[in-house]
N, C-alpha and C. Protein backbone atom coordinates (compact mmCIF):
# COMPACT_ATOMS: atom_id res chain seq x y z
N UNK A 1 -13.46 5.14 -10.02
CA UNK A 1 -13.32 3.71 -10.18
C UNK A 1 -12.48 3.39 -11.42
N UNK A 2 -11.63 2.42 -11.26
CA UNK A 2 -10.83 1.94 -12.38
C UNK A 2 -11.32 0.54 -12.75
N UNK A 3 -11.78 0.38 -13.98
CA UNK A 3 -12.25 -0.92 -14.46
C UNK A 3 -11.75 -1.16 -15.88
N UNK A 4 -11.76 -2.41 -16.28
CA UNK A 4 -11.34 -2.77 -17.63
C UNK A 4 -9.91 -3.24 -17.68
N UNK A 5 -9.56 -3.82 -18.82
CA UNK A 5 -8.22 -4.36 -19.05
C UNK A 5 -7.68 -3.79 -20.35
N UNK A 6 -6.42 -3.40 -20.34
CA UNK A 6 -5.77 -2.80 -21.50
C UNK A 6 -4.41 -3.43 -21.69
N UNK A 7 -4.03 -3.68 -22.92
CA UNK A 7 -2.69 -4.16 -23.22
C UNK A 7 -1.83 -2.96 -23.59
N UNK A 8 -0.63 -2.93 -23.03
CA UNK A 8 0.30 -1.85 -23.30
C UNK A 8 1.68 -2.44 -23.56
N UNK A 9 2.62 -1.57 -23.91
CA UNK A 9 3.99 -1.97 -24.20
C UNK A 9 4.93 -1.13 -23.35
N UNK A 10 5.88 -1.77 -22.68
CA UNK A 10 6.94 -1.02 -22.01
C UNK A 10 7.96 -0.64 -23.06
N UNK A 11 8.41 0.60 -23.03
CA UNK A 11 9.41 1.03 -24.00
C UNK A 11 10.82 0.73 -23.46
N UNK A 12 11.87 1.02 -24.22
CA UNK A 12 13.24 0.70 -23.78
C UNK A 12 13.68 1.42 -22.50
N UNK A 13 12.96 2.49 -22.13
CA UNK A 13 13.30 3.24 -20.91
C UNK A 13 12.42 2.86 -19.73
N UNK A 14 11.53 1.89 -19.90
CA UNK A 14 10.64 1.47 -18.81
C UNK A 14 9.38 2.31 -18.69
N UNK A 15 9.05 3.04 -19.74
CA UNK A 15 7.84 3.88 -19.72
C UNK A 15 6.68 3.12 -20.36
N UNK A 16 5.49 3.51 -19.93
CA UNK A 16 4.28 2.90 -20.44
C UNK A 16 3.18 3.95 -20.48
N UNK A 17 2.41 3.96 -21.55
CA UNK A 17 1.30 4.91 -21.67
C UNK A 17 0.10 4.39 -20.87
N UNK A 18 -0.41 5.24 -20.02
CA UNK A 18 -1.62 4.88 -19.28
C UNK A 18 -2.82 4.89 -20.22
N UNK A 19 -3.80 4.02 -19.98
CA UNK A 19 -5.03 4.09 -20.77
C UNK A 19 -5.68 5.47 -20.61
N UNK A 20 -6.20 6.01 -21.69
CA UNK A 20 -6.80 7.35 -21.67
C UNK A 20 -7.87 7.48 -20.60
N UNK A 21 -8.66 6.43 -20.40
CA UNK A 21 -9.75 6.50 -19.42
C UNK A 21 -9.24 6.58 -17.98
N UNK A 22 -7.99 6.18 -17.73
CA UNK A 22 -7.42 6.22 -16.38
C UNK A 22 -6.70 7.54 -16.09
N UNK A 23 -6.25 8.21 -17.13
CA UNK A 23 -5.38 9.38 -16.95
C UNK A 23 -5.96 10.50 -16.11
N UNK A 24 -7.21 10.90 -16.31
CA UNK A 24 -7.71 12.05 -15.54
C UNK A 24 -7.58 11.90 -14.03
N UNK A 25 -7.73 10.69 -13.51
CA UNK A 25 -7.63 10.49 -12.06
C UNK A 25 -6.18 10.35 -11.59
N UNK A 26 -5.26 10.04 -12.49
CA UNK A 26 -3.87 9.80 -12.10
C UNK A 26 -2.96 10.98 -12.38
N UNK A 27 -3.40 11.93 -13.20
CA UNK A 27 -2.57 13.09 -13.52
C UNK A 27 -2.72 14.14 -12.43
N UNK A 28 -1.73 14.94 -12.15
CA UNK A 28 -0.42 15.00 -12.78
C UNK A 28 0.59 14.03 -12.17
N UNK A 29 0.25 13.47 -10.96
CA UNK A 29 1.19 12.55 -10.32
C UNK A 29 0.42 11.41 -9.68
N UNK A 30 1.11 10.28 -9.57
CA UNK A 30 0.52 9.13 -8.92
C UNK A 30 1.64 8.35 -8.25
N UNK A 31 1.28 7.27 -7.59
CA UNK A 31 2.26 6.46 -6.87
C UNK A 31 2.26 5.04 -7.42
N UNK A 32 3.46 4.49 -7.63
CA UNK A 32 3.63 3.11 -8.05
C UNK A 32 4.23 2.35 -6.88
N UNK A 33 3.68 1.18 -6.60
CA UNK A 33 4.12 0.41 -5.45
C UNK A 33 4.01 -1.08 -5.71
N UNK A 34 4.63 -1.85 -4.84
CA UNK A 34 4.50 -3.30 -4.91
C UNK A 34 3.06 -3.68 -4.60
N UNK A 35 2.52 -4.55 -5.43
CA UNK A 35 1.14 -4.98 -5.24
C UNK A 35 1.08 -6.44 -4.85
N UNK A 36 -0.07 -6.85 -4.42
CA UNK A 36 -0.28 -8.26 -4.08
C UNK A 36 -0.19 -9.11 -5.34
N UNK A 37 0.21 -10.34 -5.17
CA UNK A 37 0.31 -11.30 -6.27
C UNK A 37 1.32 -10.88 -7.33
N UNK A 38 2.30 -10.05 -6.93
CA UNK A 38 3.41 -9.64 -7.80
C UNK A 38 3.00 -8.80 -9.00
N UNK A 39 2.15 -7.82 -8.75
CA UNK A 39 1.85 -6.82 -9.76
C UNK A 39 2.38 -5.48 -9.25
N UNK A 40 2.30 -4.46 -10.09
CA UNK A 40 2.63 -3.09 -9.68
C UNK A 40 1.32 -2.36 -9.48
N UNK A 41 1.11 -1.82 -8.29
CA UNK A 41 -0.07 -1.01 -8.01
C UNK A 41 0.18 0.43 -8.45
N UNK A 42 -0.82 1.03 -9.07
CA UNK A 42 -0.78 2.44 -9.42
C UNK A 42 -1.93 3.09 -8.67
N UNK A 43 -1.60 4.05 -7.81
CA UNK A 43 -2.59 4.68 -6.95
C UNK A 43 -2.61 6.18 -7.14
N UNK A 44 -3.79 6.76 -7.01
CA UNK A 44 -3.87 8.22 -6.99
C UNK A 44 -3.12 8.71 -5.75
N UNK A 45 -2.75 9.97 -5.74
CA UNK A 45 -2.06 10.53 -4.58
C UNK A 45 -2.92 10.38 -3.33
N UNK A 46 -4.21 10.64 -3.46
CA UNK A 46 -5.11 10.55 -2.31
C UNK A 46 -5.22 9.11 -1.81
N UNK A 47 -5.34 8.16 -2.73
CA UNK A 47 -5.45 6.75 -2.34
C UNK A 47 -4.17 6.28 -1.65
N UNK A 48 -3.01 6.72 -2.16
CA UNK A 48 -1.77 6.28 -1.53
C UNK A 48 -1.63 6.88 -0.13
N UNK A 49 -2.05 8.12 0.05
CA UNK A 49 -2.00 8.71 1.39
C UNK A 49 -2.86 7.89 2.35
N UNK A 50 -4.01 7.40 1.91
CA UNK A 50 -4.85 6.53 2.74
C UNK A 50 -4.14 5.23 3.07
N UNK A 51 -3.48 4.62 2.07
CA UNK A 51 -2.74 3.37 2.28
C UNK A 51 -1.64 3.59 3.30
N UNK A 52 -0.91 4.69 3.17
CA UNK A 52 0.20 4.97 4.09
C UNK A 52 -0.32 5.20 5.51
N UNK A 53 -1.37 5.97 5.67
CA UNK A 53 -1.95 6.20 7.01
C UNK A 53 -2.43 4.88 7.62
N UNK A 54 -3.07 4.05 6.79
CA UNK A 54 -3.57 2.76 7.25
C UNK A 54 -2.41 1.87 7.71
N UNK A 55 -1.32 1.86 6.97
CA UNK A 55 -0.15 1.05 7.34
C UNK A 55 0.42 1.51 8.68
N UNK A 56 0.55 2.81 8.86
CA UNK A 56 1.08 3.34 10.12
C UNK A 56 0.18 2.93 11.29
N UNK A 57 -1.12 3.05 11.12
CA UNK A 57 -2.06 2.67 12.17
C UNK A 57 -2.01 1.17 12.46
N UNK A 58 -1.88 0.35 11.41
CA UNK A 58 -1.80 -1.11 11.60
C UNK A 58 -0.55 -1.48 12.39
N UNK A 59 0.56 -0.80 12.14
CA UNK A 59 1.78 -1.06 12.90
C UNK A 59 1.55 -0.67 14.36
N UNK A 60 0.93 0.45 14.60
CA UNK A 60 0.66 0.89 15.98
C UNK A 60 -0.22 -0.10 16.73
N UNK A 61 -1.18 -0.70 16.02
CA UNK A 61 -2.10 -1.66 16.65
C UNK A 61 -1.54 -3.08 16.67
N UNK A 62 -0.35 -3.27 16.08
CA UNK A 62 0.25 -4.60 16.06
C UNK A 62 -0.34 -5.52 15.01
N UNK A 63 -1.05 -4.97 14.03
CA UNK A 63 -1.67 -5.77 12.97
C UNK A 63 -0.77 -5.91 11.74
N UNK A 64 0.31 -5.14 11.70
CA UNK A 64 1.26 -5.20 10.60
C UNK A 64 2.66 -5.10 11.19
N UNK A 65 3.54 -5.91 10.67
CA UNK A 65 4.93 -5.87 11.09
C UNK A 65 5.60 -4.60 10.56
N UNK A 66 6.48 -4.02 11.35
CA UNK A 66 7.18 -2.81 10.92
C UNK A 66 7.99 -3.05 9.65
N UNK A 67 8.51 -4.27 9.48
CA UNK A 67 9.27 -4.57 8.27
C UNK A 67 8.39 -4.53 7.03
N UNK A 68 7.13 -4.92 7.15
CA UNK A 68 6.21 -4.80 6.02
C UNK A 68 5.98 -3.33 5.68
N UNK A 69 5.84 -2.50 6.71
CA UNK A 69 5.68 -1.06 6.47
C UNK A 69 6.90 -0.50 5.77
N UNK A 70 8.07 -0.89 6.23
CA UNK A 70 9.31 -0.42 5.61
C UNK A 70 9.40 -0.86 4.15
N UNK A 71 9.05 -2.12 3.89
CA UNK A 71 9.11 -2.64 2.52
C UNK A 71 8.15 -1.88 1.62
N UNK A 72 6.96 -1.61 2.12
CA UNK A 72 5.99 -0.85 1.33
C UNK A 72 6.51 0.55 1.04
N UNK A 73 7.01 1.23 2.05
CA UNK A 73 7.49 2.61 1.86
C UNK A 73 8.70 2.67 0.94
N UNK A 74 9.64 1.74 1.10
CA UNK A 74 10.86 1.82 0.31
C UNK A 74 10.68 1.30 -1.12
N UNK A 75 9.56 0.67 -1.39
CA UNK A 75 9.28 0.17 -2.74
C UNK A 75 8.09 0.89 -3.37
N UNK A 76 7.91 2.13 -2.98
CA UNK A 76 6.87 2.99 -3.56
C UNK A 76 7.56 4.20 -4.16
N UNK A 77 7.08 4.59 -5.34
CA UNK A 77 7.70 5.69 -6.07
C UNK A 77 6.64 6.67 -6.54
N UNK A 78 6.86 7.94 -6.26
CA UNK A 78 5.99 8.99 -6.80
C UNK A 78 6.43 9.25 -8.23
N UNK A 79 5.49 9.24 -9.16
CA UNK A 79 5.83 9.47 -10.57
C UNK A 79 4.93 10.56 -11.14
N UNK A 80 5.48 11.26 -12.10
CA UNK A 80 4.71 12.27 -12.82
C UNK A 80 4.24 11.65 -14.14
N UNK A 81 3.02 11.96 -14.52
CA UNK A 81 2.50 11.53 -15.81
C UNK A 81 2.96 12.56 -16.82
N UNK A 82 3.69 12.12 -17.87
CA UNK A 82 4.23 13.07 -18.83
C UNK A 82 3.15 13.55 -19.82
N UNK A 83 3.53 14.43 -20.72
CA UNK A 83 2.58 15.04 -21.66
C UNK A 83 1.93 14.02 -22.58
N UNK A 84 2.58 12.86 -22.79
CA UNK A 84 2.01 11.80 -23.63
C UNK A 84 1.21 10.78 -22.81
N UNK A 85 1.03 11.06 -21.51
CA UNK A 85 0.27 10.15 -20.65
C UNK A 85 1.05 8.94 -20.20
N UNK A 86 2.39 9.05 -20.21
CA UNK A 86 3.24 7.93 -19.83
C UNK A 86 3.74 8.05 -18.41
N UNK A 87 4.00 6.90 -17.80
CA UNK A 87 4.66 6.83 -16.51
C UNK A 87 5.90 5.96 -16.67
N UNK A 88 6.89 6.20 -15.82
CA UNK A 88 8.10 5.40 -15.82
C UNK A 88 8.03 4.42 -14.65
N UNK A 89 8.19 3.14 -14.96
CA UNK A 89 8.15 2.11 -13.93
C UNK A 89 9.58 1.81 -13.49
N UNK A 90 9.89 2.08 -12.24
CA UNK A 90 11.22 1.88 -11.70
C UNK A 90 11.68 0.43 -11.86
N UNK A 91 12.98 0.26 -12.03
CA UNK A 91 13.55 -1.07 -12.23
C UNK A 91 13.20 -2.04 -11.11
N UNK A 92 13.21 -1.56 -9.85
CA UNK A 92 12.86 -2.44 -8.71
C UNK A 92 11.45 -2.99 -8.86
N UNK A 93 10.53 -2.15 -9.29
CA UNK A 93 9.15 -2.60 -9.47
C UNK A 93 9.03 -3.54 -10.66
N UNK A 94 9.75 -3.24 -11.73
CA UNK A 94 9.73 -4.14 -12.89
C UNK A 94 10.23 -5.53 -12.51
N UNK A 95 11.31 -5.58 -11.75
CA UNK A 95 11.85 -6.87 -11.32
C UNK A 95 10.84 -7.61 -10.44
N UNK A 96 10.25 -6.91 -9.49
CA UNK A 96 9.27 -7.51 -8.58
C UNK A 96 8.12 -8.16 -9.35
N UNK A 97 7.62 -7.45 -10.36
CA UNK A 97 6.44 -7.92 -11.11
C UNK A 97 6.79 -8.76 -12.33
N UNK A 98 8.09 -8.97 -12.60
CA UNK A 98 8.48 -9.77 -13.75
C UNK A 98 8.22 -9.08 -15.08
N UNK A 99 8.36 -7.75 -15.10
CA UNK A 99 8.15 -6.98 -16.33
C UNK A 99 9.49 -6.70 -16.98
N UNK A 100 9.56 -6.85 -18.29
CA UNK A 100 10.81 -6.60 -18.99
C UNK A 100 10.63 -5.48 -20.00
N UNK A 101 11.72 -4.78 -20.26
CA UNK A 101 11.70 -3.69 -21.23
C UNK A 101 11.30 -4.22 -22.60
N UNK A 102 10.66 -3.38 -23.39
CA UNK A 102 10.23 -3.74 -24.76
C UNK A 102 9.28 -4.94 -24.78
N UNK A 103 8.48 -5.09 -23.73
CA UNK A 103 7.55 -6.22 -23.70
C UNK A 103 6.14 -5.73 -23.40
N UNK A 104 5.18 -6.59 -23.69
CA UNK A 104 3.79 -6.28 -23.41
C UNK A 104 3.52 -6.39 -21.92
N UNK A 105 2.61 -5.55 -21.43
CA UNK A 105 2.11 -5.63 -20.06
C UNK A 105 0.59 -5.51 -20.11
N UNK A 106 -0.05 -5.95 -19.06
CA UNK A 106 -1.50 -5.80 -18.93
C UNK A 106 -1.76 -4.75 -17.87
N UNK A 107 -2.60 -3.78 -18.20
CA UNK A 107 -3.00 -2.74 -17.27
C UNK A 107 -4.46 -2.99 -16.95
N UNK A 108 -4.72 -3.27 -15.68
CA UNK A 108 -6.05 -3.71 -15.28
C UNK A 108 -6.60 -2.81 -14.18
N UNK A 109 -7.85 -2.41 -14.35
CA UNK A 109 -8.52 -1.67 -13.28
C UNK A 109 -8.88 -2.61 -12.15
N UNK A 110 -8.74 -2.13 -10.93
CA UNK A 110 -9.10 -2.92 -9.75
C UNK A 110 -9.87 -2.04 -8.78
N UNK A 111 -10.87 -1.33 -9.32
CA UNK A 111 -11.75 -0.42 -8.61
C UNK A 111 -11.01 0.77 -8.00
N UNK A 112 -10.27 0.59 -6.89
CA UNK A 112 -9.63 1.73 -6.22
C UNK A 112 -8.20 1.96 -6.68
N UNK A 113 -7.71 1.10 -7.59
CA UNK A 113 -6.33 1.22 -8.05
C UNK A 113 -6.22 0.62 -9.44
N UNK A 114 -5.09 0.87 -10.06
CA UNK A 114 -4.75 0.26 -11.34
C UNK A 114 -3.63 -0.74 -11.04
N UNK A 115 -3.63 -1.87 -11.74
CA UNK A 115 -2.58 -2.85 -11.56
C UNK A 115 -1.89 -3.09 -12.89
N UNK A 116 -0.56 -3.22 -12.85
CA UNK A 116 0.24 -3.52 -14.04
C UNK A 116 0.81 -4.92 -13.85
N UNK A 117 0.56 -5.77 -14.86
CA UNK A 117 0.88 -7.19 -14.75
C UNK A 117 1.73 -7.70 -15.91
N UNK A 118 2.51 -8.71 -15.62
CA UNK A 118 3.07 -9.57 -16.65
C UNK A 118 1.86 -10.28 -17.27
N UNK A 119 1.73 -10.33 -18.59
CA UNK A 119 0.53 -10.92 -19.21
C UNK A 119 0.23 -12.36 -18.78
N UNK A 120 1.24 -13.20 -18.67
CA UNK A 120 1.00 -14.59 -18.28
C UNK A 120 0.49 -14.69 -16.84
N UNK A 121 1.09 -13.93 -15.95
CA UNK A 121 0.64 -13.94 -14.55
C UNK A 121 -0.79 -13.41 -14.46
N UNK A 122 -1.09 -12.35 -15.21
CA UNK A 122 -2.45 -11.79 -15.18
C UNK A 122 -3.47 -12.82 -15.66
N UNK A 123 -3.13 -13.54 -16.71
CA UNK A 123 -4.06 -14.55 -17.23
C UNK A 123 -4.35 -15.62 -16.18
N UNK A 124 -3.31 -16.08 -15.47
CA UNK A 124 -3.51 -17.10 -14.42
C UNK A 124 -4.37 -16.55 -13.28
N UNK A 125 -4.06 -15.35 -12.84
CA UNK A 125 -4.81 -14.73 -11.73
C UNK A 125 -6.27 -14.52 -12.14
N UNK A 126 -6.48 -14.02 -13.35
CA UNK A 126 -7.83 -13.75 -13.84
C UNK A 126 -8.64 -15.05 -13.96
N UNK A 127 -8.01 -16.11 -14.47
CA UNK A 127 -8.71 -17.39 -14.58
C UNK A 127 -9.13 -17.92 -13.22
N UNK A 128 -8.27 -17.80 -12.22
CA UNK A 128 -8.62 -18.24 -10.87
C UNK A 128 -9.79 -17.43 -10.33
N UNK A 129 -9.75 -16.12 -10.54
CA UNK A 129 -10.84 -15.27 -10.06
C UNK A 129 -12.16 -15.62 -10.74
N UNK A 130 -12.12 -15.83 -12.05
CA UNK A 130 -13.34 -16.21 -12.78
C UNK A 130 -13.89 -17.53 -12.29
N UNK A 131 -13.01 -18.50 -12.03
CA UNK A 131 -13.46 -19.80 -11.52
C UNK A 131 -14.09 -19.66 -10.14
N UNK A 132 -13.51 -18.82 -9.29
CA UNK A 132 -14.08 -18.60 -7.96
C UNK A 132 -15.47 -17.97 -8.05
N UNK A 133 -15.62 -17.01 -8.95
CA UNK A 133 -16.92 -16.34 -9.11
C UNK A 133 -17.95 -17.32 -9.68
N UNK A 134 -17.55 -18.12 -10.66
CA UNK A 134 -18.47 -19.06 -11.29
C UNK A 134 -18.94 -20.13 -10.31
N UNK A 135 -18.09 -20.50 -9.38
CA UNK A 135 -18.46 -21.54 -8.43
C UNK A 135 -18.36 -22.92 -9.05
N UNK A 136 -18.73 -23.93 -8.27
CA UNK A 136 -18.62 -25.30 -8.78
C UNK A 136 -19.61 -25.56 -9.93
N UNK A 137 -19.13 -26.34 -10.88
CA UNK A 137 -19.99 -26.70 -12.02
C UNK A 137 -21.10 -27.64 -11.54
N UNK A 138 -22.26 -27.46 -12.08
CA UNK A 138 -23.41 -28.30 -11.67
C UNK A 138 -23.58 -29.43 -12.65
């Protein structure tokens, strides 16, 4: 399980250090992909294989458009975690999620995956989620 929120910095080459608590499950390689709500998903190799199999099956059953499958596959990157615990976020993924070089990012656990966010977008998404959980004020 991946839980918690961590602030990180993208370096000039697009690299970011993974939180130490996340590294054991993501090393030596993991997958970075387009995530919902314009974040970057970070998945273990096993979790990504499940996502890929599920996508193929959904296309066969007519529950997912083939173009969505293509977009997912062509916007997913296998990355190696380096000796310092860093991953390189591809430019396409940075653009998708609104991440810029030499800027802060939010790394958030989402149980079965890690998500990398633009800090402002993460704050908005998190506030909406908290409001939904809290329910209407009495």
